Amino acid sequence: MERRARRAGTAPRTLAQRYVEEGMRHDDHPLIHFVDGPSGRRAALLGTGLDVWEVIATVRDNGNDLSEAAEYLGVPLGLVEAATYYGDYREEIDAEIALNHEEWQRGYEAFEAGQRALGS
């Protein structure tokens, strides 16, 4: 625990609390696990490389049609249904969707500024 906590840059007790919280969430939602990334630690669907926020955003983009979202993402419908984790952690997932949108907007504005600077 000490070694992992050092590597994570946190206190062992804090890491243990995270493991307990994530373990309880996983017990309630067995197809969800947790991954680290540039935006921090987040819920993801097992075996897909997809974060829950990505699945929920795709469902919304497809008129809340789970089958269409599953087809678009190339995953079985059951995995999209596993993103019902969102119902229990709506604020957390909505915040991740908003953060992604803000980053996209910032990137798009930088692209447009570059195009203007190049006279395109």
Protein backbone atom coordinates (compact mmCIF):
# COMPACT_ATOMS: atom_id res chain seq x y z
CA MET A 1 0.00 0.00 0.00
CA GLU A 2 2.84 2.36 0.87
CA ARG A 3 4.51 1.83 -2.51
CA ARG A 4 1.30 2.34 -4.47
CA ALA A 5 0.39 5.41 -2.43
CA ARG A 6 3.82 6.93 -3.11
CA ARG A 7 3.43 6.21 -6.81
CA ALA A 8 -0.05 7.79 -6.78
CA GLY A 9 1.26 10.78 -4.82
CA THR A 10 -1.22 10.31 -2.01
CA ALA A 11 -1.40 9.09 1.57
CA PRO A 12 -1.94 5.34 2.08
CA ARG A 13 -5.16 6.02 3.98
CA THR A 14 -6.51 8.15 1.11
CA LEU A 15 -5.64 5.42 -1.38
CA ALA A 16 -7.32 2.79 0.79
CA GLN A 17 -10.47 4.94 0.95
CA ARG A 18 -10.44 5.24 -2.84
CA TYR A 19 -10.13 1.46 -3.20
CA VAL A 20 -13.07 0.90 -0.84
CA GLU A 21 -15.27 3.46 -2.63
CA GLU A 22 -14.41 2.12 -6.09
CA GLY A 23 -14.87 -1.47 -4.92
CA MET A 24 -18.35 -0.69 -3.62
CA ARG A 25 -19.23 1.06 -6.88
CA HIS A 26 -17.92 -1.93 -8.83
CA ASP A 27 -20.01 -4.31 -6.70
CA ASP A 28 -23.12 -2.30 -7.64
CA HIS A 29 -22.05 -1.98 -11.30
CA PRO A 30 -19.90 -5.02 -12.21
CA LEU A 31 -19.11 -3.89 -15.75
CA ILE A 32 -17.59 -0.62 -14.49
CA HIS A 33 -13.99 -0.18 -13.46
CA PHE A 34 -11.87 2.90 -12.83
CA VAL A 35 -8.98 4.26 -14.85
CA ASP A 36 -6.50 7.11 -14.57
CA GLY A 37 -6.02 9.57 -17.38
CA PRO A 38 -5.28 13.19 -18.23
CA SER A 39 -8.58 14.34 -16.73
CA GLY A 40 -8.12 12.29 -13.56
CA ARG A 41 -9.69 9.06 -12.35
CA ARG A 42 -12.92 8.10 -14.03
CA ALA A 43 -15.44 5.31 -14.53
CA ALA A 44 -15.03 3.17 -17.66
CA LEU A 45 -16.70 0.14 -19.22
CA LEU A 46 -14.73 -3.06 -18.80
CA GLY A 47 -13.02 -4.33 -21.92
CA THR A 48 -13.88 -1.37 -24.15
CA GLY A 49 -11.55 1.55 -23.54
CA LEU A 50 -14.67 3.72 -23.25
CA ASP A 51 -15.37 6.00 -20.34
CA VAL A 52 -18.92 6.09 -19.02
CA TRP A 53 -19.17 9.78 -19.93
CA GLU A 54 -18.33 8.91 -23.56
CA VAL A 55 -21.12 6.35 -23.68
CA ILE A 56 -23.66 8.71 -22.13
CA ALA A 57 -22.66 11.53 -24.50
CA THR A 58 -23.06 9.12 -27.44
CA VAL A 59 -26.47 7.98 -26.21
CA ARG A 60 -27.56 11.63 -26.04
CA ASP A 61 -26.13 12.31 -29.51
CA ASN A 62 -28.24 9.40 -30.80
CA GLY A 63 -31.56 10.66 -29.45
CA ASN A 64 -31.26 8.50 -26.32
CA ASP A 65 -31.48 5.38 -28.47
CA LEU A 66 -29.30 2.79 -26.73
CA SER A 67 -29.22 0.46 -29.74
CA GLU A 68 -28.03 3.21 -32.07
CA ALA A 69 -25.39 4.26 -29.57
CA ALA A 70 -24.19 0.65 -29.22
CA GLU A 71 -23.95 0.31 -32.99
CA TYR A 72 -22.08 3.60 -33.33
CA LEU A 73 -19.63 2.65 -30.56
CA GLY A 74 -19.24 -0.90 -31.88
CA VAL A 75 -20.07 -2.52 -28.56
CA PRO A 76 -22.85 -4.87 -27.46
CA LEU A 77 -26.06 -3.24 -26.27
CA GLY A 78 -25.50 -4.76 -22.81
CA LEU A 79 -22.36 -2.69 -22.36
CA VAL A 80 -24.20 0.50 -23.24
CA GLU A 81 -26.87 -0.53 -20.75
CA ALA A 82 -24.10 -0.95 -18.14
CA ALA A 83 -23.57 2.78 -18.38
CA THR A 84 -26.70 3.07 -16.24
CA TYR A 85 -24.00 3.74 -13.65
CA TYR A 86 -24.86 7.27 -14.75
CA GLY A 87 -28.14 7.08 -12.83
CA ASP A 88 -26.27 6.72 -9.56
CA TYR A 89 -23.47 9.19 -10.35
CA ARG A 90 -25.13 11.72 -12.66
CA GLU A 91 -23.32 14.81 -11.35
CA GLU A 92 -19.92 13.15 -11.70
CA ILE A 93 -20.57 12.03 -15.29
CA ASP A 94 -22.20 15.33 -16.31
CA ALA A 95 -19.11 17.16 -15.01
CA GLU A 96 -16.86 14.94 -17.17
CA ILE A 97 -19.05 15.59 -20.22
CA ALA A 98 -18.91 19.34 -19.56
CA LEU A 99 -15.12 19.23 -19.12
CA ASN A 100 -14.74 17.39 -22.42
CA HIS A 101 -16.95 19.95 -24.17
CA GLU A 102 -14.90 22.82 -22.71
CA GLU A 103 -11.66 21.21 -23.89
CA TRP A 104 -13.13 20.61 -27.35
CA GLN A 105 -14.29 24.24 -27.52
CA ARG A 106 -10.85 25.50 -26.47
CA GLY A 107 -9.17 23.33 -29.09
CA TYR A 108 -11.59 24.41 -31.80
CA GLU A 109 -11.07 28.09 -30.99
CA ALA A 110 -7.29 27.58 -31.17
CA PHE A 111 -7.72 25.89 -34.56
CA GLU A 112 -9.85 28.77 -35.84
CA ALA A 113 -7.32 31.33 -34.57
CA GLY A 114 -4.57 29.45 -36.37
CA GLN A 115 -6.59 29.39 -39.58
CA ARG A 116 -7.19 33.15 -39.34
CA ALA A 117 -3.51 33.78 -38.67
CA LEU A 118 -2.62 31.79 -41.78
CA GLY A 119 -5.19 33.69 -43.82
CA SER A 120 -7.25 30.59 -44.54
